[in-house]
PDB file of N, CA and C in Angstrom:
ATOM      1  N   MET A   1       0.850  -1.179   0.000  1.00  0.00           N
ATOM      2  CA  MET A   1       0.000   0.000   0.000  1.00  0.00           C
ATOM      3  C   MET A   1       0.892   1.237   0.000  1.00  0.00           C
ATOM      4  N   SER A   2       0.870   1.964  -1.073  1.00  0.00           N
ATOM      5  CA  SER A   2       1.673   3.184  -1.144  1.00  0.00           C
ATOM      6  C   SER A   2       0.738   4.377  -1.241  1.00  0.00           C
ATOM      7  N   THR A   3       1.127   5.424  -0.558  1.00  0.00           N
ATOM      8  CA  THR A   3       0.335   6.652  -0.603  1.00  0.00           C
ATOM      9  C   THR A   3       1.199   7.743  -1.194  1.00  0.00           C
ATOM     10  N   SER A   4       0.571   8.651  -1.854  1.00  0.00           N
ATOM     11  CA  SER A   4       1.316   9.748  -2.460  1.00  0.00           C
ATOM     12  C   SER A   4       1.680  10.770  -1.397  1.00  0.00           C
ATOM     13  N   PRO A   5       2.725  11.530  -1.606  1.00  0.00           N
ATOM     14  CA  PRO A   5       3.133  12.547  -0.618  1.00  0.00           C
ATOM     15  C   PRO A   5       2.055  13.586  -0.353  1.00  0.00           C
ATOM     16  N   SER A   6       1.246  13.891  -1.363  1.00  0.00           N
ATOM     17  CA  SER A   6       0.223  14.915  -1.151  1.00  0.00           C
ATOM     18  C   SER A   6      -0.864  14.426  -0.195  1.00  0.00           C
ATOM     19  N   SER A   7      -1.196  13.139  -0.237  1.00  0.00           N
ATOM     20  CA  SER A   7      -2.211  12.643   0.692  1.00  0.00           C
ATOM     21  C   SER A   7      -1.654  12.587   2.109  1.00  0.00           C
ATOM     22  N   ASN A   8      -0.340  12.336   2.259  1.00  0.00           N
ATOM     23  CA  ASN A   8       0.269  12.378   3.591  1.00  0.00           C
ATOM     24  C   ASN A   8       0.225  13.790   4.147  1.00  0.00           C
ATOM     25  N   LYS A   9       0.467  14.788   3.318  1.00  0.00           N
ATOM     26  CA  LYS A   9       0.418  16.181   3.773  1.00  0.00           C
ATOM     27  C   LYS A   9      -0.987  16.545   4.237  1.00  0.00           C
ATOM     28  N   LEU A  10      -1.993  16.081   3.512  1.00  0.00           N
ATOM     29  CA  LEU A  10      -3.375  16.358   3.891  1.00  0.00           C
ATOM     30  C   LEU A  10      -3.702  15.693   5.225  1.00  0.00           C
ATOM     31  N   LEU A  11      -3.241  14.466   5.407  1.00  0.00           N
ATOM     32  CA  LEU A  11      -3.478  13.761   6.666  1.00  0.00           C
ATOM     33  C   LEU A  11      -2.811  14.489   7.823  1.00  0.00           C
ATOM     34  N   TYR A  12      -1.570  14.914   7.657  1.00  0.00           N
ATOM     35  CA  TYR A  12      -0.870  15.656   8.703  1.00  0.00           C
ATOM     36  C   TYR A  12      -1.565  16.982   9.003  1.00  0.00           C
ATOM     37  N   PHE A  13      -2.082  17.633   7.984  1.00  0.00           N
ATOM     38  CA  PHE A  13      -2.793  18.892   8.162  1.00  0.00           C
ATOM     39  C   PHE A  13      -4.054  18.687   8.999  1.00  0.00           C
ATOM     40  N   ILE A  14      -4.825  17.654   8.691  1.00  0.00           N
ATOM     41  CA  ILE A  14      -6.060  17.375   9.425  1.00  0.00           C
ATOM     42  C   ILE A  14      -5.747  17.029  10.882  1.00  0.00           C
ATOM     43  N   VAL A  15      -4.735  16.193  11.105  1.00  0.00           N
ATOM     44  CA  VAL A  15      -4.344  15.832  12.467  1.00  0.00           C
ATOM     45  C   VAL A  15      -3.873  17.073  13.226  1.00  0.00           C
ATOM     46  N   GLY A  16      -3.127  17.945  12.577  1.00  0.00           N
ATOM     47  CA  GLY A  16      -2.658  19.176  13.204  1.00  0.00           C
ATOM     48  C   GLY A  16      -3.805  20.083  13.611  1.00  0.00           C
ATOM     49  N   ILE A  17      -4.795  20.198  12.746  1.00  0.00           N
ATOM     50  CA  ILE A  17      -5.975  21.013  13.065  1.00  0.00           C
ATOM     51  C   ILE A  17      -6.709  20.444  14.274  1.00  0.00           C
ATOM     52  N   LEU A  18      -6.871  19.127  14.335  1.00  0.00           N
ATOM     53  CA  LEU A  18      -7.555  18.500  15.461  1.00  0.00           C
ATOM     54  C   LEU A  18      -6.788  18.700  16.768  1.00  0.00           C
ATOM     55  N   VAL A  19      -5.474  18.555  16.722  1.00  0.00           N
ATOM     56  CA  VAL A  19      -4.660  18.742  17.918  1.00  0.00           C
ATOM     57  C   VAL A  19      -4.726  20.198  18.391  1.00  0.00           C
ATOM     58  N   ALA A  20      -4.606  21.139  17.458  1.00  0.00           N
ATOM     59  CA  ALA A  20      -4.673  22.558  17.820  1.00  0.00           C
ATOM     60  C   ALA A  20      -6.046  22.901  18.406  1.00  0.00           C
ATOM     61  N   GLY A  21      -7.102  22.344  17.847  1.00  0.00           N
ATOM     62  CA  GLY A  21      -8.446  22.586  18.374  1.00  0.00           C
ATOM     63  C   GLY A  21      -8.612  22.029  19.781  1.00  0.00           C
ATOM     64  N   ALA A  22      -8.072  20.846  20.022  1.00  0.00           N
ATOM     65  CA  ALA A  22      -8.170  20.246  21.359  1.00  0.00           C
ATOM     66  C   ALA A  22      -7.400  21.072  22.385  1.00  0.00           C
ATOM     67  N   ILE A  23      -6.225  21.549  22.015  1.00  0.00           N
ATOM     68  CA  ILE A  23      -5.432  22.387  22.925  1.00  0.00           C
ATOM     69  C   ILE A  23      -6.161  23.698  23.197  1.00  0.00           C
ATOM     70  N   GLY A  24      -6.694  24.320  22.162  1.00  0.00           N
ATOM     71  CA  GLY A  24      -7.430  25.575  22.326  1.00  0.00           C
ATOM     72  C   GLY A  24      -8.653  25.403  23.208  1.00  0.00           C
ATOM     73  N   PHE A  25      -9.382  24.323  23.002  1.00  0.00           N
ATOM     74  CA  PHE A  25     -10.565  24.071  23.830  1.00  0.00           C
ATOM     75  C   PHE A  25     -10.172  23.832  25.276  1.00  0.00           C
ATOM     76  N   GLY A  26      -9.096  23.107  25.504  1.00  0.00           N
ATOM     77  CA  GLY A  26      -8.628  22.851  26.866  1.00  0.00           C
ATOM     78  C   GLY A  26      -8.241  24.134  27.577  1.00  0.00           C
ATOM     79  N   ILE A  27      -7.544  25.006  26.876  1.00  0.00           N
ATOM     80  CA  ILE A  27      -7.161  26.292  27.477  1.00  0.00           C
ATOM     81  C   ILE A  27      -8.399  27.115  27.790  1.00  0.00           C
ATOM     82  N   TYR A  28      -9.354  27.163  26.871  1.00  0.00           N
ATOM     83  CA  TYR A  28     -10.595  27.907  27.112  1.00  0.00           C
ATOM     84  C   TYR A  28     -11.363  27.340  28.302  1.00  0.00           C
ATOM     85  N   TYR A  29     -11.490  26.024  28.343  1.00  0.00           N
ATOM     86  CA  TYR A  29     -12.304  25.384  29.379  1.00  0.00           C
ATOM     87  C   TYR A  29     -11.716  25.591  30.766  1.00  0.00           C
ATOM     88  N   PHE A  30     -10.408  25.494  30.890  1.00  0.00           N
ATOM     89  CA  PHE A  30      -9.800  25.572  32.211  1.00  0.00           C
ATOM     90  C   PHE A  30      -9.471  26.993  32.652  1.00  0.00           C
ATOM     91  N   THR A  31      -9.636  27.994  31.787  1.00  0.00           N
ATOM     92  CA  THR A  31      -9.351  29.365  32.198  1.00  0.00           C
ATOM     93  C   THR A  31     -10.604  30.233  32.223  1.00  0.00           C
ATOM     94  N   GLU A  32     -11.345  30.305  31.141  1.00  0.00           N
ATOM     95  CA  GLU A  32     -12.467  31.237  31.041  1.00  0.00           C
ATOM     96  C   GLU A  32     -13.810  30.545  30.869  1.00  0.00           C
ATOM     97  N   GLY A  33     -13.806  29.262  30.745  1.00  0.00           N
ATOM     98  CA  GLY A  33     -15.004  28.542  30.351  1.00  0.00           C
ATOM     99  C   GLY A  33     -16.089  28.484  31.395  1.00  0.00           C
ATOM    100  N   PRO A  34     -17.163  27.786  31.068  1.00  0.00           N
ATOM    101  CA  PRO A  34     -18.282  27.661  31.993  1.00  0.00           C
ATOM    102  C   PRO A  34     -17.866  26.871  33.234  1.00  0.00           C
ATOM    103  N   GLY A  35     -18.549  27.119  34.325  1.00  0.00           N
ATOM    104  CA  GLY A  35     -18.256  26.398  35.553  1.00  0.00           C
ATOM    105  C   GLY A  35     -17.058  26.938  36.297  1.00  0.00           C
ATOM    106  N   GLY A  36     -16.697  28.169  35.995  1.00  0.00           N
ATOM    107  CA  GLY A  36     -15.577  28.785  36.699  1.00  0.00           C
ATOM    108  C   GLY A  36     -15.935  29.079  38.138  1.00  0.00           C
ATOM    109  N   GLU A  37     -14.962  29.445  38.888  1.00  0.00           N
ATOM    110  CA  GLU A  37     -15.201  29.714  40.295  1.00  0.00           C
ATOM    111  C   GLU A  37     -16.023  30.987  40.461  1.00  0.00           C
ATOM    112  N   ASP A  38     -16.874  30.990  41.462  1.00  0.00           N
ATOM    113  CA  ASP A  38     -17.681  32.168  41.761  1.00  0.00           C
ATOM    114  C   ASP A  38     -16.815  33.199  42.463  1.00  0.00           C
ATOM    115  N   LYS A  39     -17.086  34.455  42.157  1.00  0.00           N
ATOM    116  CA  LYS A  39     -16.314  35.527  42.769  1.00  0.00           C
ATOM    117  C   LYS A  39     -17.169  36.173  43.857  1.00  0.00           C
ATOM    118  N   ILE A  40     -16.658  36.182  45.062  1.00  0.00           N
ATOM    119  CA  ILE A  40     -17.351  36.790  46.193  1.00  0.00           C
ATOM    120  C   ILE A  40     -16.422  37.815  46.816  1.00  0.00           C
ATOM    121  N   GLU A  41     -16.962  39.001  47.029  1.00  0.00           N
ATOM    122  CA  GLU A  41     -16.174  40.062  47.668  1.00  0.00           C
ATOM    123  C   GLU A  41     -16.755  40.333  49.044  1.00  0.00           C
ATOM    124  N   ILE A  42     -15.921  40.221  50.053  1.00  0.00           N
ATOM    125  CA  ILE A  42     -16.337  40.471  51.431  1.00  0.00           C
ATOM    126  C   ILE A  42     -15.542  41.655  51.953  1.00  0.00           C
ATOM    127  N   SER A  43     -16.242  42.676  52.442  1.00  0.00           N
ATOM    128  CA  SER A  43     -15.549  43.833  52.999  1.00  0.00           C
ATOM    129  C   SER A  43     -16.093  44.129  54.393  1.00  0.00           C
ATOM    130  N   ILE A  44     -15.171  44.452  55.283  1.00  0.00           N
ATOM    131  CA  ILE A  44     -15.524  44.761  56.659  1.00  0.00           C
ATOM    132  C   ILE A  44     -15.120  46.204  56.929  1.00  0.00           C
ATOM    133  N   GLY A  45     -16.053  47.011  57.354  1.00  0.00           N
ATOM    134  CA  GLY A  45     -15.775  48.423  57.620  1.00  0.00           C
ATOM    135  C   GLY A  45     -16.566  48.909  58.816  1.00  0.00           C
ATOM    136  N   GLU A  46     -16.597  50.220  58.976  1.00  0.00           N
ATOM    137  CA  GLU A  46     -17.313  50.823  60.100  1.00  0.00           C
ATOM    138  C   GLU A  46     -18.823  50.590  60.000  1.00  0.00           C
ATOM    139  N   ASP A  47     -19.321  50.422  58.789  1.00  0.00           N
ATOM    140  CA  ASP A  47     -20.759  50.218  58.582  1.00  0.00           C
ATOM    141  C   ASP A  47     -21.161  48.764  58.807  1.00  0.00           C
ATOM    142  N   GLY A  48     -20.228  47.872  58.975  1.00  0.00           N
ATOM    143  CA  GLY A  48     -20.543  46.457  59.172  1.00  0.00           C
ATOM    144  C   GLY A  48     -19.862  45.593  58.120  1.00  0.00           C
ATOM    145  N   ILE A  49     -20.434  44.444  57.867  1.00  0.00           N
ATOM    146  CA  ILE A  49     -19.873  43.488  56.918  1.00  0.00           C
ATOM    147  C   ILE A  49     -20.722  43.517  55.651  1.00  0.00           C
ATOM    148  N   LYS A  50     -20.072  43.620  54.504  1.00  0.00           N
ATOM    149  CA  LYS A  50     -20.761  43.586  53.207  1.00  0.00           C
ATOM    150  C   LYS A  50     -20.275  42.364  52.445  1.00  0.00           C
ATOM    151  N   ILE A  51     -21.207  41.629  51.849  1.00  0.00           N
ATOM    152  CA  ILE A  51     -20.871  40.485  51.003  1.00  0.00           C
ATOM    153  C   ILE A  51     -21.475  40.744  49.637  1.00  0.00           C
ATOM    154  N   ASP A  52     -20.645  40.780  48.622  1.00  0.00           N
ATOM    155  CA  ASP A  52     -21.083  41.050  47.249  1.00  0.00           C
ATOM    156  C   ASP A  52     -20.738  39.829  46.395  1.00  0.00           C
ATOM    157  N   GLY A  53     -21.763  39.092  45.990  1.00  0.00           N
ATOM    158  CA  GLY A  53     -21.551  37.939  45.113  1.00  0.00           C
ATOM    159  C   GLY A  53     -21.760  38.322  43.670  1.00  0.00           C
ATOM    160  N   ASN A  54     -20.717  38.185  42.848  1.00  0.00           N
ATOM    161  CA  ASN A  54     -20.820  38.578  41.436  1.00  0.00           C
ATOM    162  C   ASN A  54     -21.373  37.464  40.624  1.00  0.00           C
TER     163      ASN A  54
END
């Protein structure tokens, strides 16, 4: 079974696109994606305690 060099280039291109997409999705998911940590701001002052949930 012999394949031409052009079909190997196409295969490498498709695999590269899939790998880059998986890396990009992983970075998005673990940094900015859904299910991120909730941000809560707690401040204590003369007026008492304030809790601000964003």
